[in-house]
Each structure stands twice: as structure tokens, then as C-alpha cells.
Amino acid sequence: MKGIPTDKSGIVLSDANWHEGVIGIVASRITEDYHRPTILIAESKDICKGSGRSIPNLDIMEILKECKEYLEDFGGHPMACGIKIKKENIKGFAYAFNSKVELKSREKDLEHKLSVDFPLSIHAINEDLIKKIDELAPFGVGNPKPTFATFNVEVVGSPTIVGNNHLRFTVRDGNKHIPTIAFSQGEKQELLQKNPQIDIAYTPVIDKLSKKPTLKIHDVRVSSLQ
């Protein structure tokens, strides 16, 4: 996605085609994927509305208080916020917000830390399990969707890059095959081609197209059991 930082700044993106009802969900996803405080703004002719999400150890409300001269209104708590801003102030706000994030953050704050809830065999993954996981919703800050780990599974066939740098492949354990999708991890294609035995951290979901269980991959590593 254009505008994603490679340094210690936050992420502020805006667009006139975005609907204010979904920007919070997308901001959560970007924050999860890139581990940066993120604010998305739905542009309008008058007052634009934005929604933001943060990461542990960076209080997004404290940052907004230091950028309040650009805002018409804001509210929330340390991990999530909503803002109102005039369109002509978005550029200045983005610069101020990113500068404050860079000033307040440490390298270890911006490192993506993956927490695994439970080791799981892919033989246990089915629609009933995913349905039970979904009953724990709503997911979000304070109640993240569970992450599982499976060790020493085999990569089947050739991993393929699809969409915007997403990596699609199939894993196998014995006679159990299950498809996977690793969002924004296309750079790991060569790693998987060279190392067929891997460890994976993931969330099981129902694929919207096939309606069958698939794994949303959070991390892939070469198996230590090879």
C-alpha cells in the first residue's frame, strides 16, 4: 500500500472514496500488519472523519493532544481514536503525527511481536473449530483473534504470489492438506521453495470464495525439525 513507512513514523492515509464506516476496521488491519500507529481519513468537502489504532507503549491520545491545532475534534483511548479534521489540514496533521510517533517510539516498540496462543495440529482444523473461534467475537483491541502454531509441516507444490504481494500455498501433514494465504509476505516465496518443511503461525478462517477452511498465515519459519 502506498504510504507505508519503512522508518519509525506512523501511518496517516486519506482518500475521498473511503467510507467512514469501514476505515476503523482497515486501520486495525494495517496496524496489525505493519505494527505502526495508523490513522485513516475519509475525505469530504467539509469536515473529514478519521479513525485510528495504535500499538502497545504508544498512547495515540497523547500524540493527538500534541497535534490538536490541526484537528476540529478528537476522542478515544490509548489504543484507538476518532478524529474530525478539515481537508486542508490533513497534510500538516500527517507530518506532525508522524513526527511525534518517531520522537516517542523506540526501536523495540515498533518491532512486530507475535504471540502464539496454542500449538495445534492441522488435522484438528475444520469448520466446527472455526465456528467455535468465531463465537469468541467481537475481536479487536483487548480481544485479538487467537493465533495457533503448527510445526514441521510440508509445503506442497510451488508457492504463488497473488494480488498485492500476498503468498498463497498449501501445507500438508500426512494425508491432511490445507490451503494458506500469507498477506503481504511475497518476499518469502523463495524461502518456501528452498525449504519444504516449515513452522507456521496462523489463524484458521473460512475462505470467502471456496467456503472451506484456510489458514491466514502470520509468520513462516524454516522448521528446526528438518
Foldseek 3Di string as FASTA:
>chain_A
DPQQDPAQFAGEEEDQPDDPVCQQVVQQVCCLQQVGWYKYWHDDQFKIKIKIFHAPPAFLVVLCVVLVVQFPDKDDTRGMIMTIGGPVSRVVSRVSRRVVSSVRDDPVSRDNDDDADEEDDCVPDWPVVQVVQVVQDPADVPRHRHKYKYFFWFWPDAWDQDDPLKIKTWTDDVPDIAIEIEPNPNVCRVVCVVAGTKMWMFHWDQDPVVRTIHTHTPDIDRGPVD
